[in-house]
N, C-alpha and C. Protein backbone atom coordinates (compact mmCIF):
# COMPACT_ATOMS: atom_id res chain seq x y z
N MET A 1 -1.84 8.77 45.02
CA MET A 1 -1.93 7.84 46.11
C MET A 1 -1.41 8.51 47.38
N GLU A 2 -2.12 8.35 48.44
CA GLU A 2 -1.74 8.93 49.73
C GLU A 2 -0.83 7.96 50.46
N LEU A 3 0.31 8.45 50.93
CA LEU A 3 1.24 7.64 51.72
C LEU A 3 1.52 8.39 53.02
N GLY A 4 0.57 8.34 53.92
CA GLY A 4 0.71 9.05 55.18
C GLY A 4 -0.13 8.38 56.24
N SER A 5 -0.83 9.17 57.04
CA SER A 5 -1.60 8.63 58.16
C SER A 5 -2.78 7.78 57.70
N LEU A 6 -3.34 8.08 56.55
CA LEU A 6 -4.45 7.25 56.06
C LEU A 6 -3.96 5.85 55.73
N TYR A 7 -2.77 5.75 55.19
CA TYR A 7 -2.19 4.45 54.82
C TYR A 7 -1.51 3.78 56.00
N LEU A 8 -0.71 4.51 56.75
CA LEU A 8 0.13 3.92 57.80
C LEU A 8 -0.37 4.14 59.22
N GLY A 9 -1.31 5.06 59.42
CA GLY A 9 -1.79 5.35 60.76
C GLY A 9 -2.83 4.35 61.23
N SER A 10 -3.20 4.44 62.50
CA SER A 10 -4.28 3.60 63.03
C SER A 10 -5.10 4.41 64.02
N GLU A 11 -6.31 3.91 64.31
CA GLU A 11 -7.25 4.60 65.20
C GLU A 11 -7.81 3.63 66.22
N ASP A 12 -8.32 4.18 67.33
CA ASP A 12 -9.00 3.35 68.30
C ASP A 12 -10.46 3.18 67.88
N GLU A 13 -11.26 2.52 68.72
CA GLU A 13 -12.66 2.24 68.37
C GLU A 13 -13.52 3.50 68.27
N ASN A 14 -13.07 4.61 68.85
CA ASN A 14 -13.81 5.88 68.78
C ASN A 14 -13.37 6.77 67.63
N GLY A 15 -12.38 6.31 66.85
CA GLY A 15 -11.91 7.10 65.72
C GLY A 15 -10.79 8.07 66.06
N ALA A 16 -10.31 8.03 67.28
CA ALA A 16 -9.20 8.91 67.66
C ALA A 16 -7.88 8.31 67.18
N PRO A 17 -6.98 9.14 66.64
CA PRO A 17 -5.71 8.60 66.15
C PRO A 17 -4.89 7.99 67.27
N VAL A 18 -4.39 6.81 67.03
CA VAL A 18 -3.52 6.12 67.98
C VAL A 18 -2.08 6.21 67.49
N THR A 19 -1.89 5.93 66.22
CA THR A 19 -0.57 5.97 65.62
C THR A 19 -0.62 6.85 64.38
N ALA A 20 0.20 7.87 64.35
CA ALA A 20 0.31 8.72 63.17
C ALA A 20 1.47 8.23 62.31
N ALA A 21 1.38 8.52 61.03
CA ALA A 21 2.47 8.15 60.13
C ALA A 21 3.68 9.05 60.40
N PRO A 22 4.87 8.55 60.14
CA PRO A 22 6.05 9.39 60.34
C PRO A 22 6.18 10.49 59.29
N TYR A 23 5.39 10.43 58.23
CA TYR A 23 5.42 11.43 57.16
C TYR A 23 4.07 11.48 56.47
N GLU A 24 3.80 12.55 55.75
CA GLU A 24 2.58 12.71 54.97
C GLU A 24 2.99 13.01 53.54
N LEU A 25 2.80 12.06 52.65
CA LEU A 25 3.19 12.20 51.26
C LEU A 25 2.01 11.89 50.34
N VAL A 26 2.05 12.46 49.15
CA VAL A 26 1.09 12.13 48.10
C VAL A 26 1.89 11.81 46.85
N ARG A 27 1.60 10.69 46.23
CA ARG A 27 2.30 10.29 45.01
C ARG A 27 1.42 10.61 43.82
N LEU A 28 2.00 11.29 42.86
CA LEU A 28 1.30 11.64 41.62
C LEU A 28 2.02 10.92 40.49
N ALA A 29 1.38 9.94 39.89
CA ALA A 29 1.99 9.15 38.81
C ALA A 29 1.27 9.47 37.50
N LEU A 30 2.04 9.78 36.48
CA LEU A 30 1.49 10.12 35.16
C LEU A 30 2.14 9.23 34.10
N PRO A 31 1.33 8.61 33.24
CA PRO A 31 1.93 7.83 32.15
C PRO A 31 2.54 8.77 31.11
N ARG A 32 3.83 8.67 30.91
CA ARG A 32 4.54 9.63 30.06
C ARG A 32 4.19 9.53 28.59
N ARG A 33 3.71 8.41 28.14
CA ARG A 33 3.35 8.28 26.72
C ARG A 33 1.94 8.80 26.42
N THR A 34 1.20 9.13 27.46
CA THR A 34 -0.17 9.61 27.27
C THR A 34 -0.25 11.13 27.34
N TYR A 35 0.53 11.73 28.21
CA TYR A 35 0.45 13.17 28.45
C TYR A 35 1.69 13.87 27.93
N GLY A 36 1.48 15.04 27.34
CA GLY A 36 2.58 15.83 26.81
C GLY A 36 3.02 16.93 27.75
N LEU A 37 3.95 17.75 27.28
CA LEU A 37 4.48 18.83 28.10
C LEU A 37 3.40 19.83 28.50
N GLY A 38 2.45 20.11 27.61
CA GLY A 38 1.35 21.03 27.95
C GLY A 38 0.52 20.52 29.11
N HIS A 39 0.27 19.22 29.14
CA HIS A 39 -0.47 18.63 30.25
C HIS A 39 0.31 18.77 31.56
N LEU A 40 1.60 18.48 31.51
CA LEU A 40 2.42 18.57 32.72
C LEU A 40 2.52 20.01 33.21
N ASN A 41 2.61 20.96 32.31
CA ASN A 41 2.63 22.38 32.72
C ASN A 41 1.32 22.76 33.40
N TYR A 42 0.20 22.29 32.86
CA TYR A 42 -1.11 22.57 33.46
C TYR A 42 -1.19 21.98 34.87
N ILE A 43 -0.74 20.74 35.04
CA ILE A 43 -0.75 20.11 36.36
C ILE A 43 0.10 20.90 37.34
N GLY A 44 1.25 21.37 36.89
CA GLY A 44 2.10 22.20 37.75
C GLY A 44 1.42 23.49 38.16
N GLU A 45 0.71 24.13 37.22
CA GLU A 45 -0.02 25.36 37.54
C GLU A 45 -1.13 25.10 38.55
N VAL A 46 -1.85 24.02 38.38
CA VAL A 46 -2.94 23.69 39.31
C VAL A 46 -2.38 23.39 40.70
N LEU A 47 -1.29 22.64 40.78
CA LEU A 47 -0.69 22.35 42.08
C LEU A 47 -0.17 23.61 42.75
N ALA A 48 0.43 24.52 41.97
CA ALA A 48 0.92 25.78 42.54
C ALA A 48 -0.25 26.63 43.04
N ALA A 49 -1.36 26.68 42.30
CA ALA A 49 -2.54 27.44 42.73
C ALA A 49 -3.15 26.82 43.98
N THR A 50 -3.11 25.49 44.08
CA THR A 50 -3.64 24.81 45.25
C THR A 50 -2.84 25.16 46.50
N VAL A 51 -1.53 25.15 46.38
CA VAL A 51 -0.68 25.50 47.52
C VAL A 51 -0.87 26.96 47.91
N LYS A 52 -1.03 27.83 46.93
CA LYS A 52 -1.20 29.26 47.19
C LYS A 52 -2.49 29.54 47.96
N ASP A 53 -3.54 28.77 47.67
CA ASP A 53 -4.85 29.02 48.27
C ASP A 53 -5.26 27.85 49.18
N LYS A 54 -4.30 27.28 49.92
CA LYS A 54 -4.55 26.07 50.70
C LYS A 54 -5.55 26.24 51.84
N GLU A 55 -5.78 27.47 52.30
CA GLU A 55 -6.72 27.67 53.41
C GLU A 55 -8.17 27.38 52.99
N ARG A 56 -8.45 27.41 51.71
CA ARG A 56 -9.82 27.15 51.23
C ARG A 56 -10.12 25.66 51.09
N ILE A 57 -9.10 24.82 51.21
CA ILE A 57 -9.29 23.38 51.05
C ILE A 57 -9.63 22.79 52.40
N PRO A 58 -10.76 22.06 52.51
CA PRO A 58 -11.14 21.52 53.82
C PRO A 58 -10.28 20.31 54.19
N GLY A 59 -10.28 20.00 55.47
CA GLY A 59 -9.71 18.74 55.91
C GLY A 59 -10.75 17.65 55.71
N TYR A 60 -10.36 16.41 55.90
CA TYR A 60 -11.29 15.30 55.72
C TYR A 60 -11.25 14.38 56.92
N ARG A 61 -12.42 13.83 57.24
CA ARG A 61 -12.58 12.92 58.37
C ARG A 61 -12.88 11.53 57.81
N LEU A 62 -12.30 10.52 58.42
CA LEU A 62 -12.53 9.14 58.04
C LEU A 62 -13.90 8.71 58.56
N VAL A 63 -14.79 8.30 57.65
CA VAL A 63 -16.15 7.90 58.02
C VAL A 63 -16.28 6.38 58.10
N GLU A 64 -15.76 5.69 57.09
CA GLU A 64 -15.80 4.23 57.06
C GLU A 64 -14.44 3.72 56.60
N GLN A 65 -14.04 2.57 57.18
CA GLN A 65 -12.79 1.97 56.76
C GLN A 65 -12.91 0.46 56.75
N PRO A 66 -12.48 -0.18 55.68
CA PRO A 66 -12.48 -1.64 55.64
C PRO A 66 -11.27 -2.17 56.42
N PRO A 67 -11.29 -3.45 56.77
CA PRO A 67 -10.16 -4.00 57.54
C PRO A 67 -8.86 -4.07 56.73
N LEU A 68 -8.96 -4.19 55.41
CA LEU A 68 -7.79 -4.25 54.55
C LEU A 68 -7.82 -3.13 53.52
N LEU A 69 -6.66 -2.63 53.16
CA LEU A 69 -6.52 -1.60 52.12
C LEU A 69 -7.36 -0.36 52.41
N ARG A 70 -7.29 0.13 53.61
CA ARG A 70 -8.14 1.25 54.01
C ARG A 70 -7.87 2.49 53.18
N HIS A 71 -6.64 2.74 52.76
CA HIS A 71 -6.31 3.94 51.99
C HIS A 71 -6.91 3.90 50.59
N PHE A 72 -7.28 2.74 50.08
CA PHE A 72 -7.93 2.64 48.78
C PHE A 72 -9.45 2.64 48.87
N ARG A 73 -10.01 2.04 49.92
CA ARG A 73 -11.44 1.78 49.95
C ARG A 73 -12.21 2.51 51.04
N CYS A 74 -11.57 3.40 51.76
CA CYS A 74 -12.25 4.11 52.85
C CYS A 74 -13.19 5.18 52.30
N LYS A 75 -14.05 5.68 53.16
CA LYS A 75 -14.94 6.78 52.82
C LYS A 75 -14.61 7.97 53.71
N LEU A 76 -14.45 9.13 53.10
CA LEU A 76 -14.10 10.36 53.81
C LEU A 76 -15.20 11.40 53.62
N GLU A 77 -15.28 12.32 54.57
CA GLU A 77 -16.19 13.45 54.40
C GLU A 77 -15.44 14.73 54.78
N PRO A 78 -15.75 15.85 54.11
CA PRO A 78 -15.04 17.09 54.40
C PRO A 78 -15.37 17.62 55.78
N VAL A 79 -14.39 18.26 56.40
CA VAL A 79 -14.55 18.90 57.69
C VAL A 79 -14.37 20.40 57.46
N TRP A 80 -15.44 21.17 57.60
CA TRP A 80 -15.38 22.62 57.41
C TRP A 80 -15.33 23.29 58.77
N ASP A 81 -14.42 24.20 58.94
CA ASP A 81 -14.31 24.93 60.21
C ASP A 81 -15.27 26.11 60.25
């Protein structure tokens, strides 16, 4: 779950940011009775590889947003430089 500008920020009618979130966080929740230590180690390896190669990950632009619960129901598209 994203807890940052997508959840707490706002935009004007042209899509320009008006209010940014004071922080950018991502929550990763795992049910402990479903996944074992091997699964958690794999997730850690993937997250470490993602941080190591972060320049290859595109940014995303908000395309559509509902009036309520925008962070759950919005549509995003990748932004490639």
